[in-house]
Amino acid sequence: MNIHERISVLRKRRNISQKEFAKMVKLDDSTMSKIENGQRPIKHLEIERIADALDVSIDELFGRKQNTGTEILLLRFENGLSNTDKNRILSFIEKGSDV
């Protein structure tokens, strides 16, 4: 899915009309329609406003995976932990997610 399609999907999931969304991101209705249909490139500042209006990160808007807090924590400690310790932590986290 490209960014244009993703914008449309995310907007619809939030039950926001295209007209209302265009107003939220300070664009004309026709401009928003062209963006969602892939007929117009999106400018940098528009990307920021669109992500903010959809309450997603720019990475999420482009379909990139967001690191979870768990992944970030593990990355911070990765160099200082043995493989055994890393596996114990991952096992603990996985068990906790089943609760």
N, C-alpha and C. Protein backbone atom coordinates (compact mmCIF):
# COMPACT_ATOMS: atom_id res chain seq x y z
N MET A 1 0.86 -1.18 0.00
CA MET A 1 0.00 0.00 0.00
C MET A 1 0.90 1.24 0.00
N ASN A 2 0.61 2.19 -0.88
CA ASN A 2 1.42 3.41 -0.91
C ASN A 2 0.86 4.45 0.06
N ILE A 3 1.57 5.54 0.20
CA ILE A 3 1.18 6.57 1.18
C ILE A 3 -0.19 7.16 0.86
N HIS A 4 -0.49 7.31 -0.42
CA HIS A 4 -1.78 7.89 -0.81
C HIS A 4 -2.94 7.00 -0.34
N GLU A 5 -2.80 5.71 -0.59
CA GLU A 5 -3.82 4.76 -0.16
C GLU A 5 -3.90 4.69 1.37
N ARG A 6 -2.75 4.73 2.01
CA ARG A 6 -2.70 4.64 3.48
C ARG A 6 -3.42 5.83 4.12
N ILE A 7 -3.24 7.01 3.55
CA ILE A 7 -3.93 8.20 4.08
C ILE A 7 -5.44 7.98 4.02
N SER A 8 -5.91 7.52 2.88
CA SER A 8 -7.34 7.28 2.71
C SER A 8 -7.86 6.24 3.70
N VAL A 9 -7.14 5.14 3.85
CA VAL A 9 -7.55 4.07 4.77
C VAL A 9 -7.59 4.58 6.21
N LEU A 10 -6.53 5.27 6.62
CA LEU A 10 -6.46 5.77 8.00
C LEU A 10 -7.56 6.79 8.27
N ARG A 11 -7.83 7.64 7.30
CA ARG A 11 -8.89 8.65 7.45
C ARG A 11 -10.24 7.96 7.61
N LYS A 12 -10.50 6.97 6.77
CA LYS A 12 -11.79 6.27 6.82
C LYS A 12 -11.95 5.49 8.12
N ARG A 13 -10.87 4.92 8.63
CA ARG A 13 -10.93 4.20 9.91
C ARG A 13 -11.36 5.12 11.04
N ARG A 14 -11.05 6.39 10.90
CA ARG A 14 -11.40 7.36 11.94
C ARG A 14 -12.75 8.03 11.66
N ASN A 15 -13.42 7.54 10.63
CA ASN A 15 -14.74 8.07 10.25
C ASN A 15 -14.72 9.57 10.00
N ILE A 16 -13.69 10.02 9.28
CA ILE A 16 -13.57 11.43 8.93
C ILE A 16 -13.83 11.54 7.43
N SER A 17 -14.73 12.44 7.05
CA SER A 17 -14.99 12.63 5.62
C SER A 17 -13.78 13.29 4.97
N GLN A 18 -13.67 13.11 3.68
CA GLN A 18 -12.54 13.71 2.97
C GLN A 18 -12.58 15.24 3.06
N LYS A 19 -13.78 15.78 3.00
CA LYS A 19 -13.95 17.24 3.10
C LYS A 19 -13.51 17.74 4.47
N GLU A 20 -13.95 17.06 5.52
CA GLU A 20 -13.57 17.43 6.88
C GLU A 20 -12.06 17.30 7.08
N PHE A 21 -11.50 16.22 6.54
CA PHE A 21 -10.06 15.98 6.68
C PHE A 21 -9.26 17.05 5.96
N ALA A 22 -9.71 17.43 4.77
CA ALA A 22 -9.02 18.49 4.02
C ALA A 22 -8.96 19.77 4.85
N LYS A 23 -10.06 20.08 5.50
CA LYS A 23 -10.11 21.27 6.35
C LYS A 23 -9.13 21.14 7.53
N MET A 24 -9.06 19.94 8.12
CA MET A 24 -8.16 19.70 9.26
C MET A 24 -6.70 19.93 8.89
N VAL A 25 -6.33 19.57 7.66
CA VAL A 25 -4.93 19.69 7.24
C VAL A 25 -4.69 20.93 6.37
N LYS A 26 -5.70 21.80 6.33
CA LYS A 26 -5.60 23.10 5.65
C LYS A 26 -5.32 22.96 4.16
N LEU A 27 -6.12 22.10 3.51
CA LEU A 27 -6.03 21.92 2.07
C LEU A 27 -7.42 22.04 1.46
N ASP A 28 -7.47 22.34 0.17
CA ASP A 28 -8.74 22.34 -0.55
C ASP A 28 -9.24 20.91 -0.69
N ASP A 29 -10.56 20.77 -0.81
CA ASP A 29 -11.16 19.44 -0.99
C ASP A 29 -10.56 18.73 -2.21
N SER A 30 -10.44 19.48 -3.32
CA SER A 30 -9.94 18.87 -4.56
C SER A 30 -8.48 18.44 -4.42
N THR A 31 -7.69 19.21 -3.67
CA THR A 31 -6.29 18.85 -3.45
C THR A 31 -6.20 17.57 -2.63
N MET A 32 -7.02 17.46 -1.61
CA MET A 32 -7.01 16.26 -0.77
C MET A 32 -7.43 15.05 -1.59
N SER A 33 -8.42 15.22 -2.44
CA SER A 33 -8.86 14.13 -3.31
C SER A 33 -7.73 13.67 -4.22
N LYS A 34 -7.02 14.62 -4.80
CA LYS A 34 -5.89 14.27 -5.69
C LYS A 34 -4.78 13.56 -4.93
N ILE A 35 -4.53 13.99 -3.70
CA ILE A 35 -3.50 13.34 -2.88
C ILE A 35 -3.90 11.89 -2.61
N GLU A 36 -5.13 11.68 -2.17
CA GLU A 36 -5.58 10.33 -1.84
C GLU A 36 -5.65 9.42 -3.06
N ASN A 37 -5.85 10.01 -4.23
CA ASN A 37 -5.92 9.22 -5.46
C ASN A 37 -4.56 9.09 -6.15
N GLY A 38 -3.52 9.64 -5.54
CA GLY A 38 -2.18 9.54 -6.10
C GLY A 38 -1.93 10.42 -7.30
N GLN A 39 -2.78 11.43 -7.49
CA GLN A 39 -2.65 12.31 -8.65
C GLN A 39 -1.82 13.56 -8.35
N ARG A 40 -1.42 13.71 -7.09
CA ARG A 40 -0.63 14.88 -6.69
C ARG A 40 0.36 14.46 -5.62
N PRO A 41 1.62 14.87 -5.78
CA PRO A 41 2.60 14.55 -4.72
C PRO A 41 2.27 15.33 -3.45
N ILE A 42 2.74 14.80 -2.34
CA ILE A 42 2.49 15.43 -1.04
C ILE A 42 3.72 16.21 -0.63
N LYS A 43 3.52 17.45 -0.25
CA LYS A 43 4.63 18.30 0.20
C LYS A 43 5.00 17.95 1.64
N HIS A 44 6.24 18.25 1.98
CA HIS A 44 6.77 17.91 3.31
C HIS A 44 5.87 18.40 4.45
N LEU A 45 5.50 19.66 4.43
CA LEU A 45 4.67 20.21 5.52
C LEU A 45 3.29 19.57 5.55
N GLU A 46 2.79 19.19 4.38
CA GLU A 46 1.50 18.51 4.33
C GLU A 46 1.58 17.14 4.98
N ILE A 47 2.69 16.45 4.78
CA ILE A 47 2.88 15.14 5.40
C ILE A 47 2.81 15.27 6.91
N GLU A 48 3.47 16.27 7.45
CA GLU A 48 3.44 16.49 8.91
C GLU A 48 2.02 16.76 9.39
N ARG A 49 1.30 17.63 8.68
CA ARG A 49 -0.07 17.96 9.09
C ARG A 49 -0.99 16.74 8.97
N ILE A 50 -0.81 15.96 7.93
CA ILE A 50 -1.63 14.76 7.73
C ILE A 50 -1.37 13.76 8.85
N ALA A 51 -0.10 13.52 9.15
CA ALA A 51 0.25 12.57 10.23
C ALA A 51 -0.33 13.04 11.55
N ASP A 52 -0.21 14.33 11.84
CA ASP A 52 -0.76 14.88 13.09
C ASP A 52 -2.28 14.71 13.14
N ALA A 53 -2.95 15.01 12.05
CA ALA A 53 -4.41 14.91 12.02
C ALA A 53 -4.88 13.46 12.18
N LEU A 54 -4.08 12.52 11.67
CA LEU A 54 -4.43 11.10 11.79
C LEU A 54 -3.90 10.48 13.07
N ASP A 55 -3.16 11.27 13.84
CA ASP A 55 -2.57 10.82 15.10
C ASP A 55 -1.68 9.60 14.90
N VAL A 56 -0.82 9.69 13.87
CA VAL A 56 0.18 8.65 13.60
C VAL A 56 1.52 9.33 13.38
N SER A 57 2.58 8.56 13.50
CA SER A 57 3.90 9.10 13.20
C SER A 57 4.08 9.15 11.68
N ILE A 58 5.04 9.93 11.24
CA ILE A 58 5.34 9.99 9.81
C ILE A 58 5.79 8.61 9.33
N ASP A 59 6.55 7.90 10.15
CA ASP A 59 6.97 6.54 9.80
C ASP A 59 5.76 5.65 9.56
N GLU A 60 4.77 5.73 10.43
CA GLU A 60 3.57 4.91 10.27
C GLU A 60 2.81 5.30 9.00
N LEU A 61 2.80 6.59 8.70
CA LEU A 61 2.13 7.07 7.49
C LEU A 61 2.77 6.46 6.24
N PHE A 62 4.08 6.28 6.28
CA PHE A 62 4.79 5.68 5.15
C PHE A 62 4.80 4.15 5.22
N GLY A 63 4.19 3.59 6.26
CA GLY A 63 4.10 2.14 6.38
C GLY A 63 5.31 1.49 7.02
N ARG A 64 6.16 2.30 7.62
CA ARG A 64 7.31 1.74 8.33
C ARG A 64 6.87 1.28 9.70
N LYS A 65 7.50 0.21 10.16
CA LYS A 65 7.15 -0.35 11.47
C LYS A 65 7.69 0.55 12.57
N GLN A 66 6.85 0.83 13.55
CA GLN A 66 7.28 1.56 14.74
C GLN A 66 7.90 0.58 15.72
N ASN A 67 9.03 0.93 16.28
CA ASN A 67 9.61 0.09 17.33
C ASN A 67 8.75 0.22 18.58
N THR A 68 8.49 -0.91 19.20
CA THR A 68 7.74 -0.88 20.45
C THR A 68 8.66 -0.45 21.57
N GLY A 69 8.11 -0.09 22.69
CA GLY A 69 8.91 0.26 23.85
C GLY A 69 9.84 -0.86 24.24
N THR A 70 9.35 -2.09 24.11
CA THR A 70 10.17 -3.26 24.44
C THR A 70 11.38 -3.34 23.54
N GLU A 71 11.17 -3.16 22.23
CA GLU A 71 12.29 -3.22 21.29
C GLU A 71 13.31 -2.13 21.56
N ILE A 72 12.83 -0.94 21.86
CA ILE A 72 13.73 0.18 22.15
C ILE A 72 14.55 -0.12 23.39
N LEU A 73 13.90 -0.64 24.42
CA LEU A 73 14.60 -0.98 25.66
C LEU A 73 15.67 -2.03 25.40
N LEU A 74 15.34 -3.06 24.64
CA LEU A 74 16.32 -4.10 24.33
C LEU A 74 17.49 -3.54 23.52
N LEU A 75 17.21 -2.65 22.60
CA LEU A 75 18.29 -2.05 21.81
C LEU A 75 19.24 -1.24 22.68
N ARG A 76 18.69 -0.57 23.67
CA ARG A 76 19.53 0.23 24.57
C ARG A 76 20.49 -0.63 25.37
N PHE A 77 20.04 -1.82 25.75
CA PHE A 77 20.86 -2.69 26.60
C PHE A 77 21.58 -3.79 25.83
N GLU A 78 21.38 -3.82 24.53
CA GLU A 78 21.89 -4.93 23.73
C GLU A 78 23.39 -5.16 23.90
N ASN A 79 24.18 -4.12 23.87
CA ASN A 79 25.63 -4.29 23.97
C ASN A 79 26.08 -4.78 25.34
N GLY A 80 25.32 -4.47 26.37
CA GLY A 80 25.74 -4.83 27.72
C GLY A 80 25.18 -6.15 28.23
N LEU A 81 24.38 -6.83 27.43
CA LEU A 81 23.75 -8.08 27.88
C LEU A 81 24.35 -9.29 27.16
N SER A 82 24.44 -10.37 27.89
CA SER A 82 24.85 -11.63 27.26
C SER A 82 23.66 -12.19 26.49
N ASN A 83 23.91 -13.11 25.59
CA ASN A 83 22.82 -13.74 24.83
C ASN A 83 21.85 -14.45 25.77
N THR A 84 22.37 -15.05 26.81
CA THR A 84 21.51 -15.73 27.79
C THR A 84 20.56 -14.74 28.44
N ASP A 85 21.11 -13.59 28.86
CA ASP A 85 20.27 -12.56 29.49
C ASP A 85 19.23 -12.02 28.51
N LYS A 86 19.63 -11.80 27.26
CA LYS A 86 18.69 -11.32 26.25
C LYS A 86 17.54 -12.31 26.07
N ASN A 87 17.89 -13.59 26.00
CA ASN A 87 16.86 -14.62 25.82
C ASN A 87 15.93 -14.70 27.03
N ARG A 88 16.47 -14.54 28.22
CA ARG A 88 15.64 -14.54 29.43
C ARG A 88 14.66 -13.38 29.41
N ILE A 89 15.16 -12.22 29.04
CA ILE A 89 14.30 -11.03 28.99
C ILE A 89 13.20 -11.22 27.95
N LEU A 90 13.57 -11.70 26.76
CA LEU A 90 12.57 -11.93 25.72
C LEU A 90 11.54 -12.96 26.16
N SER A 91 11.98 -14.01 26.82
CA SER A 91 11.06 -15.03 27.32
C SER A 91 10.09 -14.43 28.33
N PHE A 92 10.61 -13.62 29.22
CA PHE A 92 9.79 -12.96 30.23
C PHE A 92 8.75 -12.05 29.57
N ILE A 93 9.18 -11.29 28.57
CA ILE A 93 8.28 -10.38 27.88
C ILE A 93 7.18 -11.16 27.15
N GLU A 94 7.58 -12.24 26.47
CA GLU A 94 6.60 -13.04 25.74
C GLU A 94 5.57 -13.67 26.67
N LYS A 95 6.01 -14.13 27.83
CA LYS A 95 5.07 -14.71 28.80
C LYS A 95 4.12 -13.64 29.32
N GLY A 96 4.64 -12.45 29.53
CA GLY A 96 3.82 -11.34 30.02
C GLY A 96 2.78 -10.91 29.02
N SER A 97 3.08 -11.05 27.73
CA SER A 97 2.12 -10.64 26.71
C SER A 97 0.95 -11.61 26.60
N ASP A 98 1.10 -12.81 27.16
CA ASP A 98 0.01 -13.79 27.14
C ASP A 98 -1.01 -13.55 28.24
N VAL A 99 -0.67 -12.73 29.21
CA VAL A 99 -1.53 -12.51 30.36
C VAL A 99 -2.72 -11.67 29.98
